[in-house]
Amino acid sequence: MDWTRCDGHGLCAELLPELLSVDDWGFPVSRTGERDPAVPAHLVEHALAAQRSCPLMALRVVTPARAG
């Protein structure tokens, strides 16, 4: 999450409630408390949909680099 861009629209939390909720001000927070929570494989498509839906492009899904 790029907190400098986020305005607390809450779309990401609506589209990805398994990982995100909203705080008292409407800003998304990780349900695990992590700054950058890991996305389980079965939720990747939902996470990508949330990323595409963010009006300010504040959410990003990062694929971890593979160990070589």
Protein backbone atom coordinates (compact mmCIF):
# COMPACT_ATOMS: atom_id res chain seq x y z
CA MET A 1 0.00 0.00 0.00
CA ASP A 2 1.31 3.43 -0.91
CA TRP A 3 -0.07 5.44 2.01
CA THR A 4 0.90 8.74 0.38
CA ARG A 5 -1.62 8.00 -2.40
CA CYS A 6 -4.42 6.34 -0.40
CA ASP A 7 -7.50 8.47 0.28
CA GLY A 8 -9.42 5.75 2.10
CA HIS A 9 -12.01 4.93 -0.56
CA GLY A 10 -12.11 1.37 0.84
CA LEU A 11 -12.61 -0.44 -2.47
CA CYS A 12 -9.67 -2.74 -1.77
CA ALA A 13 -11.16 -3.83 1.56
CA GLU A 14 -14.52 -4.47 -0.10
CA LEU A 15 -12.91 -6.59 -2.83
CA LEU A 16 -10.43 -8.37 -0.57
CA PRO A 17 -12.11 -8.74 2.84
CA GLU A 18 -10.11 -11.89 3.60
CA LEU A 19 -6.94 -9.76 3.86
CA LEU A 20 -8.08 -6.18 4.45
CA SER A 21 -10.48 -4.33 6.70
CA VAL A 22 -10.92 -0.60 7.28
CA ASP A 23 -9.98 1.45 10.30
CA ASP A 24 -12.18 4.05 12.02
CA TRP A 25 -11.32 6.60 9.33
CA GLY A 26 -12.03 4.30 6.37
CA PHE A 27 -8.42 3.51 5.52
CA PRO A 28 -7.50 -0.09 4.71
CA VAL A 29 -5.55 -2.13 7.23
CA SER A 30 -4.19 -5.63 7.00
CA ARG A 31 -6.12 -8.18 9.03
CA THR A 32 -2.77 -9.75 10.04
CA GLY A 33 -1.24 -6.45 11.12
CA GLU A 34 1.52 -6.72 8.53
CA ARG A 35 2.38 -3.69 6.43
CA ASP A 36 2.62 -5.85 3.29
CA PRO A 37 0.61 -9.02 3.89
CA ALA A 38 1.31 -12.10 1.79
CA VAL A 39 -1.48 -12.98 -0.60
CA PRO A 40 -2.41 -16.67 -0.57
CA ALA A 41 -2.47 -18.25 -4.03
CA HIS A 42 -6.24 -18.67 -3.98
CA LEU A 43 -6.71 -14.91 -3.47
CA VAL A 44 -4.26 -13.59 -6.09
CA GLU A 45 -6.98 -12.89 -8.68
CA HIS A 46 -9.03 -11.00 -6.07
CA ALA A 47 -5.94 -9.02 -5.04
CA LEU A 48 -5.24 -8.10 -8.66
CA ALA A 49 -8.87 -7.00 -9.10
CA ALA A 50 -8.55 -4.81 -5.99
CA GLN A 51 -5.34 -3.34 -7.37
CA ARG A 52 -7.00 -2.51 -10.71
CA SER A 53 -9.98 -0.95 -8.90
CA CYS A 54 -8.00 1.45 -6.73
CA PRO A 55 -8.85 4.93 -8.06
CA LEU A 56 -5.51 6.36 -6.91
CA MET A 57 -3.32 3.35 -7.75
CA ALA A 58 -2.26 3.11 -4.10
CA LEU A 59 -2.49 -0.68 -3.93
CA ARG A 60 0.05 -2.95 -5.57
CA VAL A 61 0.49 -6.68 -5.73
CA VAL A 62 4.11 -7.76 -5.88
CA THR A 63 5.22 -11.19 -7.01
CA PRO A 64 8.15 -12.40 -4.92
CA ALA A 65 11.37 -13.14 -6.75
CA ARG A 66 12.10 -16.81 -7.16
CA ALA A 67 15.17 -18.22 -5.47
CA GLY A 68 17.63 -19.44 -8.05
